[in-house]
Amino acid sequence: MKKIMLALALTSAAAFATDITITATMQLMDNGLNQVQRGFLYNSKEDILEGITKLENSDAIFKTVDVTTFIPKNKKVTVTKNITNNLGDDLKILRKSIENNEFTTATEKYGEVLNDCVACHTVIRGW
């Protein structure tokens, strides 16, 4: 009986840790997106680059999360992984565009980054 209770406690703790990780990562992504947008609105290349770094860091964290803990093992898992790969690629191009002062390309790429986020939420939340 003690072993069963211990196993349940550990499973609950692991699920709780995953929920915290996901929530914290999504908050970091939100913060990064807002900082990039604020950078565009106020012509602050520094803010845009810092926001991109936050997004890259949160994307790296999210890639370590086992998404099957909150979605069933089905095609949604593959779609979610593809979206996070797209996000990483889009962030690299966004960074390069900003560094090269190609702001029109950068704003288009920011739109694709935002689209990656919405696409993932559509899959996960069933929008």
C-alpha atoms as a PDB file:
ATOM      1  CA  MET A   1       0.000   0.000   0.000  1.00  0.00           C
ATOM      2  CA  LYS A   2       2.842   2.389   0.833  1.00  0.00           C
ATOM      3  CA  LYS A   3       4.451   1.680  -2.532  1.00  0.00           C
ATOM      4  CA  ILE A   4       1.218   2.500  -4.341  1.00  0.00           C
ATOM      5  CA  MET A   5       0.827   5.766  -2.423  1.00  0.00           C
ATOM      6  CA  LEU A   6       4.451   6.690  -3.148  1.00  0.00           C
ATOM      7  CA  ALA A   7       3.998   5.925  -6.849  1.00  0.00           C
ATOM      8  CA  LEU A   8       0.849   8.069  -6.978  1.00  0.00           C
ATOM      9  CA  ALA A   9       2.590  10.913  -5.184  1.00  0.00           C
ATOM     10  CA  LEU A  10       5.560  10.821  -7.560  1.00  0.00           C
ATOM     11  CA  THR A  11       3.293  10.685 -10.609  1.00  0.00           C
ATOM     12  CA  SER A  12       1.277  13.646  -9.315  1.00  0.00           C
ATOM     13  CA  ALA A  13       4.464  15.596  -8.593  1.00  0.00           C
ATOM     14  CA  ALA A  14       5.799  14.909 -12.088  1.00  0.00           C
ATOM     15  CA  ALA A  15       2.523  16.019 -13.700  1.00  0.00           C
ATOM     16  CA  PHE A  16       2.477  19.155 -11.540  1.00  0.00           C
ATOM     17  CA  ALA A  17       6.097  19.951 -12.507  1.00  0.00           C
ATOM     18  CA  THR A  18       5.192  19.588 -16.180  1.00  0.00           C
ATOM     19  CA  ASP A  19       2.213  21.936 -15.749  1.00  0.00           C
ATOM     20  CA  ILE A  20       4.457  24.494 -14.059  1.00  0.00           C
ATOM     21  CA  THR A  21       7.046  24.169 -16.816  1.00  0.00           C
ATOM     22  CA  ILE A  22       4.440  24.640 -19.528  1.00  0.00           C
ATOM     23  CA  THR A  23       2.840  27.609 -17.778  1.00  0.00           C
ATOM     24  CA  ALA A  24       6.196  29.283 -17.117  1.00  0.00           C
ATOM     25  CA  THR A  25       7.328  28.643 -20.695  1.00  0.00           C
ATOM     26  CA  MET A  26       4.131  30.072 -22.157  1.00  0.00           C
ATOM     27  CA  GLN A  27       4.518  33.156 -19.947  1.00  0.00           C
ATOM     28  CA  LEU A  28       8.093  33.562 -21.181  1.00  0.00           C
ATOM     29  CA  MET A  29       6.880  33.246 -24.789  1.00  0.00           C
ATOM     30  CA  ASP A  30       4.187  35.848 -24.119  1.00  0.00           C
ATOM     31  CA  ASN A  31       6.788  38.173 -22.637  1.00  0.00           C
ATOM     32  CA  GLY A  32       9.106  37.661 -25.623  1.00  0.00           C
ATOM     33  CA  LEU A  33       6.349  38.285 -28.162  1.00  0.00           C
ATOM     34  CA  ASN A  34       5.324  41.470 -26.362  1.00  0.00           C
ATOM     35  CA  GLN A  35       8.904  42.700 -26.220  1.00  0.00           C
ATOM     36  CA  VAL A  36       9.430  42.090 -29.946  1.00  0.00           C
ATOM     37  CA  GLN A  37       6.213  43.911 -30.775  1.00  0.00           C
ATOM     38  CA  ARG A  38       7.099  46.804 -28.471  1.00  0.00           C
ATOM     39  CA  GLY A  39      10.506  46.970 -30.153  1.00  0.00           C
ATOM     40  CA  PHE A  40       8.879  47.319 -33.562  1.00  0.00           C
ATOM     41  CA  LEU A  41       6.438  49.962 -32.326  1.00  0.00           C
ATOM     42  CA  TYR A  42       9.142  52.037 -30.622  1.00  0.00           C
ATOM     43  CA  ASN A  43      11.939  51.447 -33.157  1.00  0.00           C
ATOM     44  CA  SER A  44      14.077  49.626 -30.607  1.00  0.00           C
ATOM     45  CA  LYS A  45      16.311  47.061 -32.232  1.00  0.00           C
ATOM     46  CA  GLU A  46      17.599  46.132 -28.756  1.00  0.00           C
ATOM     47  CA  ASP A  47      14.096  45.283 -27.501  1.00  0.00           C
ATOM     48  CA  ILE A  48      13.398  43.187 -30.585  1.00  0.00           C
ATOM     49  CA  LEU A  49      16.617  41.200 -30.181  1.00  0.00           C
ATOM     50  CA  GLU A  50      16.010  40.683 -26.442  1.00  0.00           C
ATOM     51  CA  GLY A  51      12.472  39.506 -27.186  1.00  0.00           C
ATOM     52  CA  ILE A  52      13.784  37.081 -29.810  1.00  0.00           C
ATOM     53  CA  THR A  53      16.237  35.696 -27.248  1.00  0.00           C
ATOM     54  CA  LYS A  54      13.374  35.123 -24.795  1.00  0.00           C
ATOM     55  CA  LEU A  55      11.411  33.342 -27.493  1.00  0.00           C
ATOM     56  CA  GLU A  56      14.397  31.185 -28.437  1.00  0.00           C
ATOM     57  CA  ASN A  57      14.978  30.279 -24.789  1.00  0.00           C
ATOM     58  CA  SER A  58      11.340  29.410 -24.198  1.00  0.00           C
ATOM     59  CA  ASP A  59      11.228  27.372 -27.407  1.00  0.00           C
ATOM     60  CA  ALA A  60      14.295  25.432 -26.223  1.00  0.00           C
ATOM     61  CA  ILE A  61      12.564  24.736 -22.888  1.00  0.00           C
ATOM     62  CA  PHE A  62       9.341  23.700 -24.587  1.00  0.00           C
ATOM     63  CA  LYS A  63      11.214  21.215 -26.784  1.00  0.00           C
ATOM     64  CA  THR A  64      12.220  19.339 -23.606  1.00  0.00           C
ATOM     65  CA  VAL A  65       8.613  18.922 -22.438  1.00  0.00           C
ATOM     66  CA  ASP A  66       6.876  15.629 -23.175  1.00  0.00           C
ATOM     67  CA  VAL A  67       3.739  16.930 -24.882  1.00  0.00           C
ATOM     68  CA  THR A  68       2.042  13.554 -24.493  1.00  0.00           C
ATOM     69  CA  THR A  69       1.468  14.486 -20.836  1.00  0.00           C
ATOM     70  CA  PHE A  70      -1.189  16.992 -21.904  1.00  0.00           C
ATOM     71  CA  ILE A  71      -2.280  15.753 -25.337  1.00  0.00           C
ATOM     72  CA  PRO A  72      -2.948  12.181 -26.433  1.00  0.00           C
ATOM     73  CA  LYS A  73      -0.353  10.291 -28.452  1.00  0.00           C
ATOM     74  CA  ASN A  74      -1.744  10.972 -31.900  1.00  0.00           C
ATOM     75  CA  LYS A  75      -1.037  13.182 -34.894  1.00  0.00           C
ATOM     76  CA  LYS A  76      -1.284  16.271 -32.685  1.00  0.00           C
ATOM     77  CA  VAL A  77       2.092  15.368 -31.162  1.00  0.00           C
ATOM     78  CA  THR A  78       3.756  15.327 -34.580  1.00  0.00           C
ATOM     79  CA  VAL A  79       2.031  18.544 -35.627  1.00  0.00           C
ATOM     80  CA  THR A  80       3.125  20.252 -32.399  1.00  0.00           C
ATOM     81  CA  LYS A  81       6.745  19.168 -32.914  1.00  0.00           C
ATOM     82  CA  ASN A  82       6.677  20.429 -36.505  1.00  0.00           C
ATOM     83  CA  ILE A  83       5.341  23.772 -35.332  1.00  0.00           C
ATOM     84  CA  THR A  84       8.121  24.146 -32.742  1.00  0.00           C
ATOM     85  CA  ASN A  85      10.683  23.341 -35.454  1.00  0.00           C
ATOM     86  CA  ASN A  86       9.111  26.004 -37.678  1.00  0.00           C
ATOM     87  CA  LEU A  87       9.206  28.449 -34.781  1.00  0.00           C
ATOM     88  CA  GLY A  88      12.927  27.887 -34.309  1.00  0.00           C
ATOM     89  CA  ASP A  89      13.606  28.442 -38.013  1.00  0.00           C
ATOM     90  CA  ASP A  90      11.398  31.545 -38.132  1.00  0.00           C
ATOM     91  CA  LEU A  91      13.157  33.025 -35.088  1.00  0.00           C
ATOM     92  CA  LYS A  92      16.568  32.561 -36.737  1.00  0.00           C
ATOM     93  CA  ILE A  93      15.411  34.395 -39.857  1.00  0.00           C
ATOM     94  CA  LEU A  94      13.753  37.098 -37.735  1.00  0.00           C
ATOM     95  CA  ARG A  95      17.004  37.653 -35.817  1.00  0.00           C
ATOM     96  CA  LYS A  96      19.062  37.783 -39.011  1.00  0.00           C
ATOM     97  CA  SER A  97      16.621  40.257 -40.580  1.00  0.00           C
ATOM     98  CA  ILE A  98      16.856  42.582 -37.579  1.00  0.00           C
ATOM     99  CA  GLU A  99      20.649  42.337 -37.468  1.00  0.00           C
ATOM    100  CA  ASN A 100      20.744  43.247 -41.173  1.00  0.00           C
ATOM    101  CA  ASN A 101      18.276  46.134 -40.709  1.00  0.00           C
ATOM    102  CA  GLU A 102      15.750  44.440 -43.005  1.00  0.00           C
ATOM    103  CA  PHE A 103      12.743  45.557 -41.026  1.00  0.00           C
ATOM    104  CA  THR A 104      10.102  44.821 -43.663  1.00  0.00           C
ATOM    105  CA  THR A 105      11.273  41.212 -43.863  1.00  0.00           C
ATOM    106  CA  ALA A 106      11.498  41.139 -40.067  1.00  0.00           C
ATOM    107  CA  THR A 107       7.893  42.229 -39.590  1.00  0.00           C
ATOM    108  CA  GLU A 108       6.748  39.587 -42.070  1.00  0.00           C
ATOM    109  CA  LYS A 109       8.745  36.958 -40.178  1.00  0.00           C
ATOM    110  CA  TYR A 110       7.312  38.198 -36.864  1.00  0.00           C
ATOM    111  CA  GLY A 111       3.883  37.529 -38.356  1.00  0.00           C
ATOM    112  CA  GLU A 112       5.003  33.967 -39.123  1.00  0.00           C
ATOM    113  CA  VAL A 113       6.296  33.554 -35.561  1.00  0.00           C
ATOM    114  CA  LEU A 114       2.919  34.683 -34.243  1.00  0.00           C
ATOM    115  CA  ASN A 115       1.224  32.334 -36.701  1.00  0.00           C
ATOM    116  CA  ASP A 116       3.322  29.445 -35.322  1.00  0.00           C
ATOM    117  CA  CYS A 117       2.033  30.247 -31.837  1.00  0.00           C
ATOM    118  CA  VAL A 118      -1.586  30.443 -32.954  1.00  0.00           C
ATOM    119  CA  ALA A 119      -1.250  27.230 -35.002  1.00  0.00           C
ATOM    120  CA  CYS A 120       0.019  25.356 -31.946  1.00  0.00           C
ATOM    121  CA  HIS A 121      -2.756  26.741 -29.764  1.00  0.00           C
ATOM    122  CA  THR A 122      -5.277  25.748 -32.443  1.00  0.00           C
ATOM    123  CA  VAL A 123      -4.043  22.153 -32.312  1.00  0.00           C
ATOM    124  CA  ILE A 124      -3.676  21.931 -28.530  1.00  0.00           C
ATOM    125  CA  ARG A 125      -6.792  23.858 -27.530  1.00  0.00           C
ATOM    126  CA  GLY A 126      -8.973  22.827 -30.462  1.00  0.00           C
ATOM    127  CA  TRP A 127      -9.810  26.371 -31.563  1.00  0.00           C
END
